[in-house]
């Protein structure tokens, strides 16, 4: 399935800008457009379009995340487990809404994921995209690094919580790490995929313009 003519024109223009700017220039589209092109013609793409529409309000109002702030003490002391959960919720409300709409999670504070639905959706994506998103070592390393960074930035706060409080905080931090790691990996992989498609389409258009349309 090919992008609409208007989108194709934008893609070719972006490729021209990228080539002129040199290697390393990003795709000149916002993440929503990149995500649309990355999932175009897939069952996950259709679900994501509907989810994005349903969750547009949450995505526009959620706050930017700062890993270091989740467990860090302030002048008022260490944040309580309840405050940490609320902070994570503010940071992730858009992503969590989308995940719920996709059917990947059924309750915000459960760390379990609906793996069957996730695998089915990811398998519908182009192979270059699904390979990285389904690679447990890539995702696991990102989650571990993110959690380690959060805990190392927390000072002594984590040790001040009760056993039950530590379990609640750990669940919230793990959820935060998993969602942010998937979002960042998805965005990067899709940008690489779309960039490659952009270059291919650009050079194909240029070759057709130079040599004329192929003879049937």
N, C-alpha and C. Protein backbone atom coordinates (compact mmCIF):
# COMPACT_ATOMS: atom_id res chain seq x y z
N UNK A 1 0.85 -1.18 0.00
CA UNK A 1 0.00 0.00 0.00
C UNK A 1 0.89 1.24 0.00
N UNK A 2 0.65 2.15 -0.91
CA UNK A 2 1.47 3.34 -1.02
C UNK A 2 0.83 4.51 -0.29
N UNK A 3 1.66 5.46 0.20
CA UNK A 3 1.11 6.65 0.84
C UNK A 3 0.32 7.47 -0.16
N UNK A 4 -0.65 8.29 0.28
CA UNK A 4 -1.38 9.18 -0.61
C UNK A 4 -0.42 10.09 -1.35
N UNK A 5 -0.88 10.64 -2.50
CA UNK A 5 -0.04 11.47 -3.34
C UNK A 5 0.54 12.64 -2.56
N UNK A 6 -0.27 13.30 -1.75
CA UNK A 6 0.22 14.44 -0.97
C UNK A 6 1.33 14.00 -0.04
N UNK A 7 1.16 12.86 0.63
CA UNK A 7 2.18 12.38 1.54
C UNK A 7 3.44 12.00 0.77
N UNK A 8 3.28 11.41 -0.43
CA UNK A 8 4.44 11.07 -1.25
C UNK A 8 5.23 12.33 -1.60
N UNK A 9 4.53 13.40 -1.90
CA UNK A 9 5.21 14.66 -2.23
C UNK A 9 6.01 15.17 -1.03
N UNK A 10 5.40 15.06 0.16
CA UNK A 10 6.10 15.49 1.38
C UNK A 10 7.34 14.63 1.60
N UNK A 11 7.20 13.32 1.37
CA UNK A 11 8.32 12.40 1.57
C UNK A 11 9.47 12.73 0.64
N UNK A 12 9.16 12.97 -0.63
CA UNK A 12 10.20 13.29 -1.60
C UNK A 12 10.88 14.61 -1.23
N UNK A 13 10.09 15.58 -0.78
CA UNK A 13 10.65 16.86 -0.37
C UNK A 13 11.57 16.67 0.84
N UNK A 14 11.14 15.86 1.79
CA UNK A 14 11.97 15.59 2.96
C UNK A 14 13.28 14.93 2.56
N UNK A 15 13.20 14.02 1.61
CA UNK A 15 14.42 13.34 1.15
C UNK A 15 15.38 14.33 0.52
N UNK A 16 14.83 15.24 -0.28
CA UNK A 16 15.68 16.25 -0.92
C UNK A 16 16.38 17.11 0.13
N UNK A 17 15.64 17.50 1.17
CA UNK A 17 16.22 18.31 2.25
C UNK A 17 17.29 17.51 2.98
N UNK A 18 16.98 16.22 3.26
CA UNK A 18 17.93 15.38 3.99
C UNK A 18 19.21 15.19 3.21
N UNK A 19 19.10 14.95 1.90
CA UNK A 19 20.28 14.75 1.07
C UNK A 19 21.10 16.03 1.02
N UNK A 20 20.43 17.17 0.88
CA UNK A 20 21.13 18.45 0.82
C UNK A 20 21.82 18.76 2.13
N UNK A 21 21.20 18.37 3.24
CA UNK A 21 21.77 18.67 4.56
C UNK A 21 22.88 17.73 4.93
N UNK A 22 22.95 16.58 4.29
CA UNK A 22 24.00 15.62 4.59
C UNK A 22 23.52 14.55 5.54
N UNK A 23 24.36 13.54 5.72
CA UNK A 23 24.01 12.39 6.56
C UNK A 23 23.79 12.82 8.00
N UNK A 24 22.82 12.19 8.65
CA UNK A 24 22.54 12.51 10.04
C UNK A 24 21.34 13.41 10.21
N UNK A 25 20.82 13.97 9.12
CA UNK A 25 19.65 14.83 9.21
C UNK A 25 18.43 13.96 9.43
N UNK A 26 17.60 14.32 10.40
CA UNK A 26 16.45 13.50 10.75
C UNK A 26 15.34 13.60 9.72
N UNK A 27 14.36 12.71 9.85
CA UNK A 27 13.18 12.76 8.98
C UNK A 27 12.36 13.99 9.36
N UNK A 28 11.98 14.82 8.34
CA UNK A 28 11.31 16.09 8.66
C UNK A 28 9.80 15.88 8.80
N UNK A 29 9.42 15.00 9.70
CA UNK A 29 8.03 14.75 10.03
C UNK A 29 7.93 14.60 11.53
N UNK A 30 6.76 14.87 12.07
CA UNK A 30 6.62 14.68 13.50
C UNK A 30 6.42 13.19 13.80
N UNK A 31 6.56 12.79 15.08
CA UNK A 31 6.48 11.37 15.42
C UNK A 31 5.17 10.71 15.00
N UNK A 32 4.06 11.43 15.01
CA UNK A 32 2.79 10.85 14.58
C UNK A 32 2.83 10.47 13.10
N UNK A 33 3.42 11.34 12.27
CA UNK A 33 3.52 11.05 10.83
C UNK A 33 4.47 9.88 10.59
N UNK A 34 5.58 9.86 11.32
CA UNK A 34 6.52 8.76 11.19
C UNK A 34 5.87 7.44 11.60
N UNK A 35 5.14 7.47 12.72
CA UNK A 35 4.44 6.27 13.18
C UNK A 35 3.39 5.81 12.18
N UNK A 36 2.71 6.76 11.55
CA UNK A 36 1.70 6.41 10.55
C UNK A 36 2.33 5.68 9.37
N UNK A 37 3.42 6.23 8.85
CA UNK A 37 4.08 5.62 7.70
C UNK A 37 4.73 4.29 8.07
N UNK A 38 5.24 4.19 9.29
CA UNK A 38 5.91 2.97 9.73
C UNK A 38 4.93 1.80 9.85
N UNK A 39 3.70 2.09 10.22
CA UNK A 39 2.70 1.04 10.45
C UNK A 39 1.65 0.97 9.36
N UNK A 40 1.86 1.72 8.28
CA UNK A 40 0.87 1.80 7.20
C UNK A 40 0.57 0.43 6.62
N UNK A 41 -0.72 0.11 6.51
CA UNK A 41 -1.14 -1.15 5.91
C UNK A 41 -1.06 -2.34 6.83
N UNK A 42 -0.82 -2.12 8.12
CA UNK A 42 -0.74 -3.22 9.08
C UNK A 42 -1.93 -3.16 10.04
N UNK A 43 -2.21 -4.29 10.66
CA UNK A 43 -3.32 -4.32 11.62
C UNK A 43 -3.00 -3.45 12.83
N UNK A 44 -1.74 -3.41 13.23
CA UNK A 44 -1.36 -2.56 14.35
C UNK A 44 -1.51 -1.09 13.98
N UNK A 45 -1.21 -0.74 12.73
CA UNK A 45 -1.36 0.64 12.29
C UNK A 45 -2.79 1.12 12.41
N UNK A 46 -3.74 0.27 12.01
CA UNK A 46 -5.16 0.63 12.10
C UNK A 46 -5.56 0.83 13.57
N UNK A 47 -5.08 -0.06 14.44
CA UNK A 47 -5.40 0.07 15.87
C UNK A 47 -4.77 1.32 16.47
N UNK A 48 -3.55 1.65 16.03
CA UNK A 48 -2.86 2.81 16.57
C UNK A 48 -3.54 4.11 16.15
N UNK A 49 -4.05 4.16 14.92
CA UNK A 49 -4.75 5.35 14.47
C UNK A 49 -5.98 5.61 15.33
N UNK A 50 -6.72 4.55 15.61
CA UNK A 50 -7.92 4.68 16.45
C UNK A 50 -7.53 5.06 17.88
N UNK A 51 -6.46 4.43 18.39
CA UNK A 51 -6.01 4.72 19.75
C UNK A 51 -5.53 6.16 19.87
N UNK A 52 -4.81 6.64 18.85
CA UNK A 52 -4.31 8.02 18.88
C UNK A 52 -5.46 9.01 18.92
N UNK A 53 -6.53 8.70 18.19
CA UNK A 53 -7.70 9.57 18.21
C UNK A 53 -8.36 9.57 19.58
N UNK A 54 -8.51 8.40 20.16
CA UNK A 54 -9.17 8.28 21.46
C UNK A 54 -8.34 8.92 22.57
N UNK A 55 -7.01 8.92 22.42
CA UNK A 55 -6.13 9.36 23.50
C UNK A 55 -5.49 10.72 23.24
N UNK A 56 -6.00 11.44 22.26
CA UNK A 56 -5.37 12.71 21.89
C UNK A 56 -5.33 13.69 23.07
N UNK A 57 -6.37 13.71 23.89
CA UNK A 57 -6.40 14.61 25.03
C UNK A 57 -5.33 14.28 26.04
N UNK A 58 -5.14 12.99 26.35
CA UNK A 58 -4.11 12.57 27.30
C UNK A 58 -2.72 12.88 26.77
N UNK A 59 -2.52 12.70 25.46
CA UNK A 59 -1.20 12.93 24.89
C UNK A 59 -0.83 14.40 24.92
N UNK A 60 -1.83 15.28 24.77
CA UNK A 60 -1.56 16.70 24.73
C UNK A 60 -1.31 17.28 26.12
N UNK A 61 -1.86 16.63 27.16
CA UNK A 61 -1.76 17.20 28.50
C UNK A 61 -0.69 16.54 29.36
N UNK A 62 -0.13 15.39 28.94
CA UNK A 62 0.85 14.73 29.79
C UNK A 62 2.13 15.57 29.89
N UNK A 63 2.83 15.39 31.00
CA UNK A 63 4.02 16.17 31.28
C UNK A 63 5.27 15.45 30.80
N UNK A 64 6.28 16.22 30.41
CA UNK A 64 7.55 15.64 29.98
C UNK A 64 8.21 14.93 31.16
N UNK A 65 8.83 13.81 30.84
CA UNK A 65 9.42 12.98 31.89
C UNK A 65 10.86 13.37 32.17
N UNK A 66 11.25 13.24 33.43
CA UNK A 66 12.64 13.40 33.84
C UNK A 66 12.95 12.23 34.76
N UNK A 67 13.75 11.27 34.26
CA UNK A 67 14.04 10.08 35.05
C UNK A 67 14.49 10.42 36.47
N UNK A 68 15.31 11.45 36.59
CA UNK A 68 15.94 11.75 37.86
C UNK A 68 14.96 12.22 38.93
N UNK A 69 13.81 12.74 38.50
CA UNK A 69 12.88 13.34 39.47
C UNK A 69 11.97 12.34 40.15
N UNK A 70 11.89 11.12 39.65
CA UNK A 70 10.88 10.19 40.15
C UNK A 70 11.12 9.78 41.60
N UNK A 71 12.37 9.56 41.98
CA UNK A 71 12.67 9.10 43.34
C UNK A 71 13.51 10.09 44.14
N UNK A 72 13.83 11.21 43.55
CA UNK A 72 14.74 12.15 44.20
C UNK A 72 14.03 12.90 45.33
N UNK A 73 14.74 13.07 46.43
CA UNK A 73 14.18 13.81 47.56
C UNK A 73 14.17 15.30 47.24
N UNK A 74 13.26 16.01 47.87
CA UNK A 74 13.15 17.45 47.71
C UNK A 74 13.29 18.09 49.09
N UNK A 75 13.04 19.38 49.16
CA UNK A 75 13.12 20.06 50.45
C UNK A 75 12.07 19.54 51.42
N UNK A 76 11.05 18.87 50.86
CA UNK A 76 10.00 18.29 51.70
C UNK A 76 10.28 16.84 52.06
N UNK A 77 11.46 16.33 51.68
CA UNK A 77 11.82 14.95 51.99
C UNK A 77 11.58 14.03 50.80
N UNK A 78 11.65 12.73 51.04
CA UNK A 78 11.47 11.74 49.97
C UNK A 78 9.99 11.66 49.58
N UNK A 79 9.72 11.47 48.29
CA UNK A 79 8.32 11.30 47.87
C UNK A 79 7.78 9.98 48.39
N UNK A 80 6.50 9.95 48.70
CA UNK A 80 5.87 8.72 49.16
C UNK A 80 5.63 7.80 47.97
N UNK A 81 5.43 6.49 48.21
CA UNK A 81 5.09 5.59 47.11
C UNK A 81 3.87 6.08 46.31
N UNK A 82 2.89 6.63 47.01
CA UNK A 82 1.69 7.15 46.33
C UNK A 82 2.06 8.32 45.41
N UNK A 83 2.93 9.20 45.88
CA UNK A 83 3.35 10.34 45.06
C UNK A 83 4.14 9.90 43.85
N UNK A 84 4.95 8.85 44.01
CA UNK A 84 5.72 8.33 42.88
C UNK A 84 4.79 7.75 41.82
N UNK A 85 3.79 7.01 42.27
CA UNK A 85 2.81 6.45 41.33
C UNK A 85 2.08 7.56 40.58
N UNK A 86 1.72 8.62 41.29
CA UNK A 86 1.05 9.75 40.66
C UNK A 86 1.97 10.45 39.66
N UNK A 87 3.24 10.55 40.00
CA UNK A 87 4.21 11.18 39.11
C UNK A 87 4.37 10.36 37.82
N UNK A 88 4.48 9.06 37.97
CA UNK A 88 4.58 8.18 36.81
C UNK A 88 3.33 8.31 35.95
N UNK A 89 2.17 8.38 36.58
CA UNK A 89 0.92 8.51 35.85
C UNK A 89 0.89 9.79 35.04
N UNK A 90 1.37 10.90 35.63
CA UNK A 90 1.40 12.17 34.89
C UNK A 90 2.32 12.08 33.67
N UNK A 91 3.45 11.40 33.85
CA UNK A 91 4.41 11.30 32.76
C UNK A 91 3.92 10.39 31.63
N UNK A 92 3.14 9.36 31.99
CA UNK A 92 2.81 8.32 31.01
C UNK A 92 1.35 8.26 30.60
N UNK A 93 0.55 9.24 30.96
CA UNK A 93 -0.89 9.10 30.74
C UNK A 93 -1.24 8.91 29.27
N UNK A 94 -0.50 9.55 28.36
CA UNK A 94 -0.78 9.37 26.94
C UNK A 94 -0.44 7.98 26.47
N UNK A 95 0.78 7.50 26.82
CA UNK A 95 1.20 6.16 26.40
C UNK A 95 0.32 5.07 26.99
N UNK A 96 -0.04 5.24 28.28
CA UNK A 96 -0.87 4.23 28.93
C UNK A 96 -2.24 4.16 28.27
N UNK A 97 -2.79 5.32 27.91
CA UNK A 97 -4.08 5.33 27.23
C UNK A 97 -3.99 4.56 25.92
N UNK A 98 -2.93 4.79 25.16
CA UNK A 98 -2.75 4.08 23.88
C UNK A 98 -2.62 2.58 24.11
N UNK A 99 -1.81 2.19 25.10
CA UNK A 99 -1.62 0.77 25.39
C UNK A 99 -2.93 0.10 25.78
N UNK A 100 -3.75 0.82 26.53
CA UNK A 100 -5.07 0.27 26.89
C UNK A 100 -5.93 0.09 25.65
N UNK A 101 -5.94 1.09 24.79
CA UNK A 101 -6.75 1.01 23.57
C UNK A 101 -6.28 -0.12 22.66
N UNK A 102 -4.96 -0.37 22.64
CA UNK A 102 -4.42 -1.46 21.84
C UNK A 102 -4.74 -2.83 22.45
N UNK A 103 -5.08 -2.83 23.73
CA UNK A 103 -5.34 -4.09 24.41
C UNK A 103 -4.07 -4.73 24.96
N UNK A 104 -3.01 -3.94 25.09
CA UNK A 104 -1.74 -4.48 25.58
C UNK A 104 -1.70 -4.55 27.10
N UNK A 105 -2.42 -3.67 27.77
CA UNK A 105 -2.54 -3.72 29.23
C UNK A 105 -4.01 -3.56 29.57
N UNK A 106 -4.41 -4.14 30.68
CA UNK A 106 -5.83 -4.06 31.03
C UNK A 106 -6.06 -3.23 32.30
N UNK A 107 -4.99 -2.91 33.00
CA UNK A 107 -5.13 -2.11 34.21
C UNK A 107 -3.83 -1.35 34.43
N UNK A 108 -3.94 -0.08 34.74
CA UNK A 108 -2.76 0.78 34.81
C UNK A 108 -1.69 0.28 35.76
N UNK A 109 -2.10 -0.23 36.93
CA UNK A 109 -1.09 -0.57 37.93
C UNK A 109 -0.74 -2.05 37.97
N UNK A 110 -1.12 -2.80 36.97
CA UNK A 110 -0.66 -4.18 36.88
C UNK A 110 0.55 -4.22 35.95
N UNK A 111 1.60 -4.91 36.36
CA UNK A 111 2.81 -4.96 35.54
C UNK A 111 2.72 -6.03 34.47
N UNK A 112 1.66 -6.89 34.53
CA UNK A 112 1.50 -7.90 33.51
C UNK A 112 1.07 -7.29 32.18
N UNK A 113 1.54 -7.87 31.12
CA UNK A 113 1.22 -7.41 29.77
C UNK A 113 0.50 -8.52 29.03
N UNK A 114 -0.38 -8.16 28.10
CA UNK A 114 -1.10 -9.14 27.29
C UNK A 114 -0.20 -9.55 26.12
N UNK A 115 0.72 -10.48 26.41
CA UNK A 115 1.77 -10.82 25.46
C UNK A 115 1.24 -11.35 24.14
N UNK A 116 0.15 -12.09 24.18
CA UNK A 116 -0.40 -12.66 22.94
C UNK A 116 -0.83 -11.55 21.98
N UNK A 117 -1.51 -10.54 22.51
CA UNK A 117 -1.95 -9.41 21.70
C UNK A 117 -0.75 -8.60 21.20
N UNK A 118 0.22 -8.39 22.09
CA UNK A 118 1.42 -7.63 21.71
C UNK A 118 2.15 -8.31 20.56
N UNK A 119 2.38 -9.61 20.68
CA UNK A 119 3.11 -10.33 19.63
C UNK A 119 2.34 -10.33 18.32
N UNK A 120 1.03 -10.46 18.40
CA UNK A 120 0.21 -10.45 17.20
C UNK A 120 0.31 -9.10 16.49
N UNK A 121 0.25 -8.01 17.26
CA UNK A 121 0.33 -6.67 16.67
C UNK A 121 1.71 -6.41 16.10
N UNK A 122 2.76 -6.71 16.86
CA UNK A 122 4.12 -6.44 16.40
C UNK A 122 4.47 -7.28 15.18
N UNK A 123 3.93 -8.49 15.11
CA UNK A 123 4.22 -9.36 13.97
C UNK A 123 3.64 -8.83 12.67
N UNK A 124 2.66 -7.93 12.76
CA UNK A 124 2.06 -7.38 11.55
C UNK A 124 2.89 -6.26 10.95
N UNK A 125 3.89 -5.77 11.69
CA UNK A 125 4.72 -4.66 11.22
C UNK A 125 5.78 -5.16 10.23
N UNK A 126 6.36 -4.26 9.46
CA UNK A 126 7.46 -4.66 8.57
C UNK A 126 8.56 -5.36 9.36
N UNK A 127 9.20 -6.34 8.73
CA UNK A 127 10.20 -7.14 9.43
C UNK A 127 11.31 -6.33 10.05
N UNK A 128 11.76 -5.28 9.35
CA UNK A 128 12.85 -4.45 9.87
C UNK A 128 12.46 -3.76 11.17
N UNK A 129 11.16 -3.53 11.35
CA UNK A 129 10.66 -2.86 12.55
C UNK A 129 10.38 -3.88 13.66
N UNK A 130 9.63 -4.92 13.32
CA UNK A 130 9.24 -5.90 14.34
C UNK A 130 10.44 -6.62 14.93
N UNK A 131 11.49 -6.82 14.14
CA UNK A 131 12.68 -7.53 14.63
C UNK A 131 13.23 -6.86 15.89
N UNK A 132 13.41 -5.54 15.83
CA UNK A 132 14.00 -4.82 16.96
C UNK A 132 13.03 -4.70 18.12
N UNK A 133 11.74 -4.51 17.82
CA UNK A 133 10.76 -4.34 18.89
C UNK A 133 10.48 -5.65 19.63
N UNK A 134 10.73 -6.78 18.96
CA UNK A 134 10.48 -8.08 19.58
C UNK A 134 11.76 -8.70 20.15
N UNK A 135 12.88 -8.01 20.02
CA UNK A 135 14.15 -8.51 20.53
C UNK A 135 14.21 -8.24 22.03
N UNK A 136 14.08 -9.28 22.84
CA UNK A 136 14.02 -9.11 24.29
C UNK A 136 15.33 -8.57 24.87
N UNK A 137 16.45 -8.87 24.21
CA UNK A 137 17.73 -8.40 24.75
C UNK A 137 17.84 -6.88 24.60
N UNK A 138 17.38 -6.34 23.47
CA UNK A 138 17.42 -4.89 23.26
C UNK A 138 16.53 -4.18 24.25
N UNK A 139 15.28 -4.65 24.36
CA UNK A 139 14.34 -4.01 25.26
C UNK A 139 14.74 -4.21 26.71
N UNK A 140 15.21 -5.41 27.03
CA UNK A 140 15.61 -5.70 28.41
C UNK A 140 16.77 -4.84 28.87
N UNK A 141 17.75 -4.62 27.98
CA UNK A 141 18.90 -3.79 28.34
C UNK A 141 18.46 -2.35 28.60
N UNK A 142 17.55 -1.85 27.78
CA UNK A 142 17.05 -0.49 27.97
C UNK A 142 16.31 -0.37 29.29
N UNK A 143 15.46 -1.34 29.61
CA UNK A 143 14.69 -1.31 30.85
C UNK A 143 15.63 -1.35 32.06
N UNK A 144 16.61 -2.26 32.02
CA UNK A 144 17.55 -2.38 33.13
C UNK A 144 18.34 -1.09 33.33
N UNK A 145 18.82 -0.52 32.22
CA UNK A 145 19.61 0.72 32.31
C UNK A 145 18.77 1.87 32.86
N UNK A 146 17.51 1.96 32.41
CA UNK A 146 16.63 3.04 32.87
C UNK A 146 16.33 2.90 34.36
N UNK A 147 16.02 1.69 34.80
CA UNK A 147 15.73 1.48 36.21
C UNK A 147 16.96 1.74 37.07
N UNK A 148 18.12 1.28 36.61
CA UNK A 148 19.35 1.50 37.37
C UNK A 148 19.63 3.00 37.50
N UNK A 149 19.40 3.74 36.43
CA UNK A 149 19.64 5.18 36.46
C UNK A 149 18.70 5.87 37.45
N UNK A 150 17.44 5.46 37.45
CA UNK A 150 16.47 6.07 38.36
C UNK A 150 16.86 5.79 39.81
N UNK A 151 17.19 4.53 40.11
CA UNK A 151 17.55 4.18 41.48
C UNK A 151 18.85 4.85 41.92
N UNK A 152 19.81 4.96 41.00
CA UNK A 152 21.09 5.58 41.36
C UNK A 152 20.94 7.08 41.59
N UNK A 153 19.87 7.67 41.04
CA UNK A 153 19.63 9.10 41.19
C UNK A 153 18.75 9.41 42.40
N UNK A 154 18.33 8.38 43.11
CA UNK A 154 17.33 8.57 44.16
C UNK A 154 17.93 8.87 45.52
N UNK A 155 19.26 8.78 45.63
CA UNK A 155 19.86 8.97 46.94
C UNK A 155 19.46 7.82 47.86
N UNK A 156 19.02 8.14 49.07
CA UNK A 156 18.66 7.10 50.05
C UNK A 156 17.15 6.88 50.15
N UNK A 157 16.40 7.48 49.24
CA UNK A 157 14.94 7.44 49.38
C UNK A 157 14.38 6.03 49.37
N UNK A 158 14.82 5.19 48.43
CA UNK A 158 14.21 3.87 48.31
C UNK A 158 14.34 3.07 49.59
N UNK A 159 15.47 3.21 50.26
CA UNK A 159 15.69 2.45 51.48
C UNK A 159 14.83 2.90 52.65
N UNK A 160 14.18 4.04 52.53
CA UNK A 160 13.34 4.54 53.63
C UNK A 160 11.93 3.97 53.60
N UNK A 161 11.56 3.29 52.51
CA UNK A 161 10.20 2.77 52.38
C UNK A 161 10.07 1.40 53.05
N UNK A 162 8.85 1.08 53.46
CA UNK A 162 8.57 -0.24 54.00
C UNK A 162 8.69 -1.27 52.87
N UNK A 163 8.65 -2.53 53.24
CA UNK A 163 8.73 -3.59 52.23
C UNK A 163 7.59 -3.47 51.22
N UNK A 164 6.40 -3.21 51.74
CA UNK A 164 5.25 -3.04 50.85
C UNK A 164 5.41 -1.79 49.99
N UNK A 165 5.93 -0.71 50.58
CA UNK A 165 6.15 0.51 49.83
C UNK A 165 7.20 0.33 48.74
N UNK A 166 8.27 -0.41 49.05
CA UNK A 166 9.31 -0.67 48.05
C UNK A 166 8.75 -1.48 46.88
N UNK A 167 7.86 -2.43 47.17
CA UNK A 167 7.26 -3.24 46.10
C UNK A 167 6.42 -2.36 45.18
N UNK A 168 5.65 -1.43 45.77
CA UNK A 168 4.81 -0.54 44.97
C UNK A 168 5.67 0.40 44.11
N UNK A 169 6.74 0.93 44.72
CA UNK A 169 7.63 1.82 43.98
C UNK A 169 8.32 1.06 42.85
N UNK A 170 8.78 -0.16 43.14
CA UNK A 170 9.45 -0.97 42.12
C UNK A 170 8.53 -1.25 40.94
N UNK A 171 7.27 -1.55 41.22
CA UNK A 171 6.30 -1.80 40.15
C UNK A 171 6.11 -0.56 39.28
N UNK A 172 6.01 0.61 39.95
CA UNK A 172 5.80 1.86 39.22
C UNK A 172 7.02 2.20 38.36
N UNK A 173 8.22 2.01 38.91
CA UNK A 173 9.44 2.32 38.17
C UNK A 173 9.62 1.35 37.01
N UNK A 174 9.30 0.08 37.22
CA UNK A 174 9.42 -0.89 36.13
C UNK A 174 8.45 -0.56 35.00
N UNK A 175 7.23 -0.20 35.37
CA UNK A 175 6.24 0.18 34.35
C UNK A 175 6.74 1.39 33.57
N UNK A 176 7.25 2.38 34.30
CA UNK A 176 7.78 3.58 33.65
C UNK A 176 8.90 3.22 32.68
N UNK A 177 9.83 2.37 33.12
CA UNK A 177 10.96 1.99 32.29
C UNK A 177 10.51 1.23 31.05
N UNK A 178 9.57 0.29 31.22
CA UNK A 178 9.13 -0.52 30.08
C UNK A 178 8.39 0.33 29.05
N UNK A 179 7.54 1.22 29.51
CA UNK A 179 6.77 2.03 28.57
C UNK A 179 7.67 3.03 27.85
N UNK A 180 8.54 3.71 28.59
CA UNK A 180 9.40 4.70 27.96
C UNK A 180 10.41 4.03 27.03
N UNK A 181 10.90 2.86 27.40
CA UNK A 181 11.85 2.15 26.52
C UNK A 181 11.17 1.70 25.23
N UNK A 182 9.94 1.19 25.36
CA UNK A 182 9.25 0.79 24.13
C UNK A 182 8.99 2.01 23.25
N UNK A 183 8.53 3.11 23.84
CA UNK A 183 8.22 4.30 23.07
C UNK A 183 9.45 4.84 22.35
N UNK A 184 10.58 4.92 23.06
CA UNK A 184 11.79 5.47 22.45
C UNK A 184 12.34 4.53 21.39
N UNK A 185 12.28 3.21 21.64
CA UNK A 185 12.76 2.25 20.65
C UNK A 185 11.87 2.25 19.41
N UNK A 186 10.56 2.29 19.62
CA UNK A 186 9.62 2.34 18.51
C UNK A 186 9.86 3.59 17.65
N UNK A 187 10.05 4.72 18.31
CA UNK A 187 10.27 5.97 17.57
C UNK A 187 11.56 5.92 16.75
N UNK A 188 12.64 5.39 17.36
CA UNK A 188 13.93 5.34 16.66
C UNK A 188 13.90 4.35 15.51
N UNK A 189 13.34 3.16 15.76
CA UNK A 189 13.29 2.13 14.72
C UNK A 189 12.42 2.59 13.55
N UNK A 190 11.29 3.20 13.87
CA UNK A 190 10.40 3.68 12.82
C UNK A 190 11.04 4.82 12.03
N UNK A 191 11.76 5.70 12.72
CA UNK A 191 12.42 6.79 12.02
C UNK A 191 13.46 6.24 11.05
N UNK A 192 14.22 5.23 11.49
CA UNK A 192 15.21 4.61 10.59
C UNK A 192 14.52 3.95 9.40
N UNK A 193 13.42 3.25 9.67
CA UNK A 193 12.69 2.56 8.61
C UNK A 193 12.13 3.55 7.59
N UNK A 194 11.50 4.61 8.10
CA UNK A 194 10.91 5.61 7.20
C UNK A 194 12.01 6.36 6.45
N UNK A 195 13.11 6.66 7.11
CA UNK A 195 14.21 7.34 6.43
C UNK A 195 14.72 6.52 5.25
N UNK A 196 14.88 5.21 5.47
CA UNK A 196 15.33 4.34 4.37
C UNK A 196 14.33 4.33 3.24
N UNK A 197 13.04 4.29 3.57
CA UNK A 197 12.00 4.32 2.54
C UNK A 197 11.99 5.66 1.81
N UNK A 198 12.23 6.72 2.56
CA UNK A 198 12.27 8.06 1.97
C UNK A 198 13.39 8.13 0.93
N UNK A 199 14.58 7.67 1.31
CA UNK A 199 15.70 7.71 0.38
C UNK A 199 15.42 6.86 -0.86
N UNK A 200 14.84 5.67 -0.63
CA UNK A 200 14.54 4.79 -1.76
C UNK A 200 13.52 5.44 -2.69
N UNK A 201 12.47 6.03 -2.13
CA UNK A 201 11.46 6.68 -2.95
C UNK A 201 12.03 7.88 -3.69
N UNK A 202 12.88 8.65 -2.98
CA UNK A 202 13.49 9.83 -3.60
C UNK A 202 14.33 9.43 -4.80
N UNK A 203 15.21 8.45 -4.62
CA UNK A 203 16.08 8.04 -5.71
C UNK A 203 15.29 7.38 -6.84
N UNK A 204 14.22 6.68 -6.48
CA UNK A 204 13.38 6.09 -7.53
C UNK A 204 12.70 7.18 -8.35
N UNK A 205 12.21 8.21 -7.66
CA UNK A 205 11.59 9.33 -8.37
C UNK A 205 12.61 10.04 -9.26
N UNK A 206 13.81 10.23 -8.76
CA UNK A 206 14.85 10.90 -9.53
C UNK A 206 15.26 10.07 -10.74
N UNK A 207 15.38 8.75 -10.54
CA UNK A 207 15.76 7.88 -11.64
C UNK A 207 14.69 7.85 -12.71
N UNK A 208 13.42 7.83 -12.29
CA UNK A 208 12.32 7.83 -13.25
C UNK A 208 12.27 9.15 -14.00
N UNK A 209 12.57 10.25 -13.29
CA UNK A 209 12.58 11.56 -13.93
C UNK A 209 13.70 11.66 -14.96
N UNK A 210 14.83 11.02 -14.65
CA UNK A 210 15.99 11.08 -15.56
C UNK A 210 15.84 10.15 -16.74
N UNK A 211 15.39 8.92 -16.45
CA UNK A 211 15.35 7.88 -17.49
C UNK A 211 13.98 7.74 -18.14
N UNK A 212 12.98 8.37 -17.54
CA UNK A 212 11.62 8.18 -18.04
C UNK A 212 11.00 6.94 -17.44
N UNK A 213 9.67 6.83 -17.52
CA UNK A 213 8.99 5.66 -16.94
C UNK A 213 9.43 4.37 -17.61
N UNK A 214 9.46 3.32 -16.82
CA UNK A 214 9.87 2.01 -17.37
C UNK A 214 8.86 1.55 -18.41
N UNK A 215 9.37 0.90 -19.45
CA UNK A 215 8.52 0.37 -20.52
C UNK A 215 7.82 -0.88 -20.03
N UNK A 216 6.56 -0.97 -20.37
CA UNK A 216 5.79 -2.16 -19.98
C UNK A 216 5.95 -3.24 -21.03
